[in-house]
């Protein structure tokens, strides 16, 4: 696949087309998260997941993914016009790394959520 945000392509598209295709100034960024948790019981897993979702909501963004077998795996993406920035990424990564029940965290760099194979 060619680069959807190449300067030559963006030059040919009108603002309406760029918005519809989510490219150029309408590009939406996000990042993937994989966190491994130490063996916790169901109540502790639920408390952790609720805390994670509250931390994501506090940043004004959203999370999609799954949580099973002691592993949180998914993507943080923009919602309601709130952009995912490096500051949002750093804050959520710090939240995960600051939790005692998390034994390992992998956070990707910012990526185009519509045109990346995440």
N, C-alpha and C. Protein backbone atom coordinates (compact mmCIF):
# COMPACT_ATOMS: atom_id res chain seq x y z
N UNK A 1 0.84 -1.18 0.00
CA UNK A 1 0.00 0.00 0.00
C UNK A 1 0.88 1.24 0.00
N UNK A 2 0.53 2.21 -0.80
CA UNK A 2 1.30 3.44 -0.84
C UNK A 2 0.98 4.29 0.39
N UNK A 3 1.79 5.28 0.63
CA UNK A 3 1.62 6.16 1.78
C UNK A 3 0.37 7.02 1.59
N UNK A 4 -0.66 6.86 2.44
CA UNK A 4 -1.87 7.65 2.28
C UNK A 4 -1.66 9.14 2.58
N UNK A 5 -0.56 9.47 3.26
CA UNK A 5 -0.27 10.86 3.59
C UNK A 5 0.88 11.44 2.79
N UNK A 6 1.15 10.88 1.61
CA UNK A 6 2.24 11.41 0.80
C UNK A 6 1.86 12.80 0.30
N UNK A 7 2.84 13.70 0.23
CA UNK A 7 2.55 15.07 -0.21
C UNK A 7 1.88 15.14 -1.59
N UNK A 8 2.32 14.28 -2.52
CA UNK A 8 1.72 14.30 -3.86
C UNK A 8 0.24 13.92 -3.82
N UNK A 9 -0.08 12.93 -3.02
CA UNK A 9 -1.48 12.51 -2.92
C UNK A 9 -2.33 13.58 -2.24
N UNK A 10 -1.82 14.14 -1.15
CA UNK A 10 -2.59 15.15 -0.42
C UNK A 10 -2.84 16.39 -1.27
N UNK A 11 -1.89 16.71 -2.15
CA UNK A 11 -2.03 17.87 -3.02
C UNK A 11 -3.23 17.72 -3.97
N UNK A 12 -3.50 16.49 -4.38
CA UNK A 12 -4.58 16.22 -5.33
C UNK A 12 -5.95 16.16 -4.67
N UNK A 13 -6.02 16.03 -3.37
CA UNK A 13 -7.29 15.85 -2.68
C UNK A 13 -7.82 17.17 -2.13
N UNK A 14 -9.12 17.35 -2.23
CA UNK A 14 -9.76 18.53 -1.64
C UNK A 14 -9.87 18.31 -0.13
N UNK A 15 -10.13 19.37 0.63
CA UNK A 15 -10.32 19.18 2.08
C UNK A 15 -11.43 18.18 2.41
N UNK A 16 -12.51 18.19 1.64
CA UNK A 16 -13.60 17.25 1.88
C UNK A 16 -13.13 15.81 1.69
N UNK A 17 -12.32 15.58 0.66
CA UNK A 17 -11.80 14.23 0.42
C UNK A 17 -10.81 13.82 1.50
N UNK A 18 -9.95 14.76 1.93
CA UNK A 18 -8.99 14.44 3.00
C UNK A 18 -9.71 14.08 4.29
N UNK A 19 -10.81 14.80 4.58
CA UNK A 19 -11.58 14.49 5.78
C UNK A 19 -12.23 13.12 5.67
N UNK A 20 -12.80 12.83 4.53
CA UNK A 20 -13.48 11.56 4.33
C UNK A 20 -12.50 10.38 4.42
N UNK A 21 -11.27 10.58 3.90
CA UNK A 21 -10.26 9.54 3.92
C UNK A 21 -9.40 9.54 5.19
N UNK A 22 -9.61 10.54 6.06
CA UNK A 22 -8.86 10.68 7.31
C UNK A 22 -7.35 10.74 7.06
N UNK A 23 -6.96 11.64 6.19
CA UNK A 23 -5.56 11.85 5.88
C UNK A 23 -5.24 13.34 6.04
N UNK A 24 -3.94 13.66 5.97
CA UNK A 24 -3.52 15.05 6.10
C UNK A 24 -3.85 15.59 7.48
N UNK A 25 -4.48 16.75 7.51
CA UNK A 25 -4.83 17.37 8.79
C UNK A 25 -5.93 16.63 9.53
N UNK A 26 -6.57 15.66 8.88
CA UNK A 26 -7.65 14.88 9.49
C UNK A 26 -7.18 13.49 9.94
N UNK A 27 -5.88 13.26 9.88
CA UNK A 27 -5.30 11.98 10.30
C UNK A 27 -5.57 11.78 11.79
N UNK A 28 -5.88 10.55 12.18
CA UNK A 28 -6.14 10.22 13.57
C UNK A 28 -5.05 9.29 14.08
N UNK A 29 -4.39 9.71 15.17
CA UNK A 29 -3.29 8.94 15.74
C UNK A 29 -3.75 8.21 17.00
N UNK A 30 -3.08 7.12 17.28
CA UNK A 30 -3.32 6.34 18.48
C UNK A 30 -2.06 5.54 18.79
N UNK A 31 -2.15 4.64 19.76
CA UNK A 31 -1.01 3.78 20.08
C UNK A 31 -1.50 2.48 20.69
N UNK A 32 -0.70 1.44 20.51
CA UNK A 32 -1.07 0.14 21.06
C UNK A 32 -0.45 -0.04 22.44
N UNK A 33 -1.12 -0.86 23.24
CA UNK A 33 -0.70 -1.13 24.62
C UNK A 33 -0.77 -2.63 24.86
N UNK A 34 0.28 -3.17 25.45
CA UNK A 34 0.27 -4.56 25.93
C UNK A 34 0.84 -4.51 27.34
N UNK A 35 0.05 -4.95 28.31
CA UNK A 35 0.50 -4.96 29.70
C UNK A 35 0.25 -6.34 30.30
N UNK A 36 1.27 -6.89 30.93
CA UNK A 36 1.16 -8.19 31.60
C UNK A 36 0.97 -7.95 33.09
N UNK A 37 0.03 -8.67 33.67
CA UNK A 37 -0.25 -8.52 35.09
C UNK A 37 0.19 -9.76 35.85
N UNK A 38 0.67 -9.52 37.07
CA UNK A 38 1.03 -10.63 37.94
C UNK A 38 -0.26 -11.36 38.31
N UNK A 39 -0.17 -12.61 38.67
CA UNK A 39 -1.35 -13.43 38.97
C UNK A 39 -2.24 -12.79 40.02
N UNK A 40 -3.38 -12.30 39.59
CA UNK A 40 -4.33 -11.65 40.48
C UNK A 40 -5.64 -12.43 40.48
N UNK A 41 -6.41 -12.26 41.54
CA UNK A 41 -7.73 -12.89 41.55
C UNK A 41 -8.70 -12.04 40.72
N UNK A 42 -9.91 -12.54 40.54
CA UNK A 42 -10.88 -11.87 39.67
C UNK A 42 -11.24 -10.47 40.17
N UNK A 43 -11.37 -10.30 41.48
CA UNK A 43 -11.72 -8.99 42.02
C UNK A 43 -10.61 -7.98 41.76
N UNK A 44 -9.36 -8.39 41.92
CA UNK A 44 -8.23 -7.49 41.66
C UNK A 44 -8.12 -7.17 40.17
N UNK A 45 -8.39 -8.16 39.31
CA UNK A 45 -8.40 -7.91 37.86
C UNK A 45 -9.46 -6.89 37.49
N UNK A 46 -10.66 -7.04 38.06
CA UNK A 46 -11.74 -6.10 37.78
C UNK A 46 -11.40 -4.70 38.27
N UNK A 47 -10.79 -4.60 39.45
CA UNK A 47 -10.39 -3.29 39.99
C UNK A 47 -9.34 -2.64 39.09
N UNK A 48 -8.37 -3.44 38.62
CA UNK A 48 -7.36 -2.90 37.73
C UNK A 48 -7.98 -2.40 36.44
N UNK A 49 -8.84 -3.21 35.84
CA UNK A 49 -9.46 -2.84 34.57
C UNK A 49 -10.31 -1.58 34.73
N UNK A 50 -11.06 -1.47 35.81
CA UNK A 50 -11.85 -0.26 36.06
C UNK A 50 -10.94 0.96 36.21
N UNK A 51 -9.83 0.80 36.92
CA UNK A 51 -8.89 1.91 37.08
C UNK A 51 -8.28 2.33 35.75
N UNK A 52 -7.92 1.35 34.91
CA UNK A 52 -7.35 1.64 33.59
C UNK A 52 -8.35 2.41 32.72
N UNK A 53 -9.59 1.94 32.69
CA UNK A 53 -10.59 2.61 31.87
C UNK A 53 -10.90 4.01 32.39
N UNK A 54 -10.86 4.22 33.70
CA UNK A 54 -11.04 5.56 34.26
C UNK A 54 -9.87 6.47 33.87
N UNK A 55 -8.64 5.93 33.88
CA UNK A 55 -7.47 6.72 33.48
C UNK A 55 -7.56 7.11 32.01
N UNK A 56 -8.02 6.19 31.17
CA UNK A 56 -8.19 6.48 29.74
C UNK A 56 -9.28 7.55 29.56
N UNK A 57 -10.41 7.38 30.24
CA UNK A 57 -11.50 8.36 30.15
C UNK A 57 -11.06 9.74 30.63
N UNK A 58 -10.23 9.78 31.67
CA UNK A 58 -9.75 11.06 32.20
C UNK A 58 -8.93 11.82 31.16
N UNK A 59 -8.31 11.11 30.24
CA UNK A 59 -7.54 11.75 29.16
C UNK A 59 -8.44 12.17 28.00
N UNK A 60 -9.71 11.76 28.02
CA UNK A 60 -10.65 12.13 26.98
C UNK A 60 -10.56 11.28 25.72
N UNK A 61 -9.86 10.15 25.80
CA UNK A 61 -9.71 9.26 24.65
C UNK A 61 -10.41 7.94 24.96
N UNK A 62 -10.24 6.94 24.11
CA UNK A 62 -10.90 5.66 24.32
C UNK A 62 -9.91 4.51 24.14
N UNK A 63 -10.31 3.34 24.61
CA UNK A 63 -9.48 2.14 24.52
C UNK A 63 -10.33 1.01 23.96
N UNK A 64 -9.77 0.29 23.02
CA UNK A 64 -10.42 -0.90 22.48
C UNK A 64 -9.44 -2.04 22.52
N UNK A 65 -9.89 -3.18 22.97
CA UNK A 65 -9.00 -4.32 23.04
C UNK A 65 -9.60 -5.40 23.90
N UNK A 66 -8.74 -6.19 24.54
CA UNK A 66 -9.24 -7.25 25.40
C UNK A 66 -8.34 -7.41 26.62
N UNK A 67 -8.92 -8.04 27.61
CA UNK A 67 -8.23 -8.29 28.87
C UNK A 67 -8.54 -9.72 29.27
N UNK A 68 -7.53 -10.59 29.15
CA UNK A 68 -7.75 -11.98 29.54
C UNK A 68 -6.41 -12.62 29.89
N UNK A 69 -6.49 -13.64 30.70
CA UNK A 69 -5.30 -14.40 31.11
C UNK A 69 -4.19 -13.50 31.63
N UNK A 70 -4.55 -12.46 32.38
CA UNK A 70 -3.55 -11.58 32.96
C UNK A 70 -2.85 -10.67 31.97
N UNK A 71 -3.47 -10.42 30.84
CA UNK A 71 -2.85 -9.53 29.86
C UNK A 71 -3.88 -8.55 29.30
N UNK A 72 -3.50 -7.29 29.30
CA UNK A 72 -4.28 -6.21 28.70
C UNK A 72 -3.66 -5.93 27.34
N UNK A 73 -4.45 -5.96 26.27
CA UNK A 73 -3.92 -5.81 24.92
C UNK A 73 -4.93 -5.03 24.10
N UNK A 74 -4.51 -3.89 23.51
CA UNK A 74 -5.43 -3.11 22.70
C UNK A 74 -4.81 -1.84 22.18
N UNK A 75 -5.68 -0.91 21.78
CA UNK A 75 -5.24 0.34 21.18
C UNK A 75 -6.00 1.50 21.82
N UNK A 76 -5.27 2.58 22.06
CA UNK A 76 -5.85 3.83 22.55
C UNK A 76 -6.05 4.71 21.32
N UNK A 77 -7.26 5.25 21.16
CA UNK A 77 -7.58 6.01 19.96
C UNK A 77 -8.40 7.25 20.31
N UNK A 78 -8.43 8.24 19.39
CA UNK A 78 -9.15 9.48 19.66
C UNK A 78 -10.66 9.28 19.61
N UNK A 79 -11.36 10.14 20.34
CA UNK A 79 -12.81 10.12 20.34
C UNK A 79 -13.31 11.53 20.64
N UNK A 80 -14.43 11.90 20.07
CA UNK A 80 -15.07 13.20 20.31
C UNK A 80 -14.14 14.39 20.06
N UNK A 81 -13.30 14.30 19.06
CA UNK A 81 -12.43 15.42 18.69
C UNK A 81 -11.20 15.59 19.56
N UNK A 82 -11.03 14.77 20.59
CA UNK A 82 -9.84 14.84 21.43
C UNK A 82 -8.74 14.02 20.77
N UNK A 83 -7.60 14.65 20.49
CA UNK A 83 -6.52 13.96 19.80
C UNK A 83 -5.63 13.21 20.79
N UNK A 84 -5.08 12.11 20.33
CA UNK A 84 -4.10 11.36 21.10
C UNK A 84 -2.74 11.99 20.79
N UNK A 85 -2.10 12.53 21.81
CA UNK A 85 -0.81 13.19 21.66
C UNK A 85 0.26 12.41 22.42
N UNK A 86 1.48 12.86 22.27
CA UNK A 86 2.58 12.23 23.00
C UNK A 86 2.38 12.41 24.51
N UNK A 87 1.77 13.52 24.93
CA UNK A 87 1.50 13.73 26.36
C UNK A 87 0.48 12.72 26.90
N UNK A 88 -0.56 12.46 26.13
CA UNK A 88 -1.57 11.47 26.52
C UNK A 88 -0.91 10.09 26.59
N UNK A 89 -0.10 9.79 25.59
CA UNK A 89 0.60 8.50 25.55
C UNK A 89 1.50 8.35 26.78
N UNK A 90 2.27 9.39 27.10
CA UNK A 90 3.18 9.33 28.24
C UNK A 90 2.41 9.18 29.55
N UNK A 91 1.30 9.90 29.70
CA UNK A 91 0.52 9.83 30.93
C UNK A 91 -0.06 8.43 31.15
N UNK A 92 -0.60 7.83 30.09
CA UNK A 92 -1.18 6.49 30.24
C UNK A 92 -0.10 5.43 30.44
N UNK A 93 1.03 5.58 29.78
CA UNK A 93 2.14 4.64 29.99
C UNK A 93 2.65 4.75 31.42
N UNK A 94 2.75 5.97 31.93
CA UNK A 94 3.20 6.17 33.31
C UNK A 94 2.20 5.57 34.30
N UNK A 95 0.91 5.69 34.00
CA UNK A 95 -0.11 5.10 34.87
C UNK A 95 0.09 3.59 34.96
N UNK A 96 0.29 2.95 33.81
CA UNK A 96 0.50 1.50 33.81
C UNK A 96 1.78 1.11 34.52
N UNK A 97 2.87 1.83 34.24
CA UNK A 97 4.16 1.49 34.86
C UNK A 97 4.17 1.76 36.36
N UNK A 98 3.30 2.64 36.82
CA UNK A 98 3.23 2.96 38.24
C UNK A 98 2.40 1.97 39.05
N UNK A 99 1.74 1.04 38.40
CA UNK A 99 0.91 0.07 39.10
C UNK A 99 1.73 -1.13 39.54
N UNK A 100 1.58 -1.53 40.78
CA UNK A 100 2.37 -2.65 41.32
C UNK A 100 1.96 -3.99 40.71
N UNK A 101 0.71 -4.12 40.26
CA UNK A 101 0.26 -5.39 39.71
C UNK A 101 0.70 -5.63 38.27
N UNK A 102 1.29 -4.60 37.62
CA UNK A 102 1.75 -4.73 36.24
C UNK A 102 3.20 -5.19 36.24
N UNK A 103 3.45 -6.33 35.58
CA UNK A 103 4.81 -6.86 35.55
C UNK A 103 5.57 -6.48 34.28
N UNK A 104 4.89 -6.02 33.26
CA UNK A 104 5.55 -5.60 32.03
C UNK A 104 4.61 -4.78 31.17
N UNK A 105 5.16 -3.75 30.51
CA UNK A 105 4.35 -2.86 29.67
C UNK A 105 5.07 -2.62 28.36
N UNK A 106 4.34 -2.71 27.25
CA UNK A 106 4.84 -2.33 25.94
C UNK A 106 3.87 -1.32 25.36
N UNK A 107 4.38 -0.14 25.02
CA UNK A 107 3.56 0.91 24.42
C UNK A 107 4.21 1.29 23.10
N UNK A 108 3.44 1.25 22.02
CA UNK A 108 4.00 1.59 20.70
C UNK A 108 4.13 3.11 20.57
N UNK A 109 4.79 3.52 19.52
CA UNK A 109 4.79 4.94 19.18
C UNK A 109 3.44 5.32 18.60
N UNK A 110 3.24 6.61 18.38
CA UNK A 110 1.98 7.05 17.78
C UNK A 110 1.90 6.53 16.35
N UNK A 111 0.72 6.02 15.99
CA UNK A 111 0.52 5.49 14.65
C UNK A 111 -0.84 5.91 14.12
N UNK A 112 -0.97 5.89 12.81
CA UNK A 112 -2.22 6.24 12.13
C UNK A 112 -3.20 5.09 12.33
N UNK A 113 -4.28 5.33 13.08
CA UNK A 113 -5.19 4.24 13.42
C UNK A 113 -6.02 3.76 12.23
N UNK A 114 -6.14 4.56 11.18
CA UNK A 114 -6.92 4.17 10.02
C UNK A 114 -6.09 3.50 8.93
N UNK A 115 -4.81 3.83 8.84
CA UNK A 115 -4.00 3.37 7.73
C UNK A 115 -2.77 2.58 8.17
N UNK A 116 -2.77 2.03 9.37
CA UNK A 116 -1.66 1.23 9.86
C UNK A 116 -2.14 -0.18 10.15
N UNK A 117 -1.26 -1.12 10.01
CA UNK A 117 -1.56 -2.49 10.38
C UNK A 117 -1.12 -2.67 11.82
N UNK A 118 -1.94 -2.32 12.75
CA UNK A 118 -1.59 -2.42 14.15
C UNK A 118 -2.04 -3.73 14.67
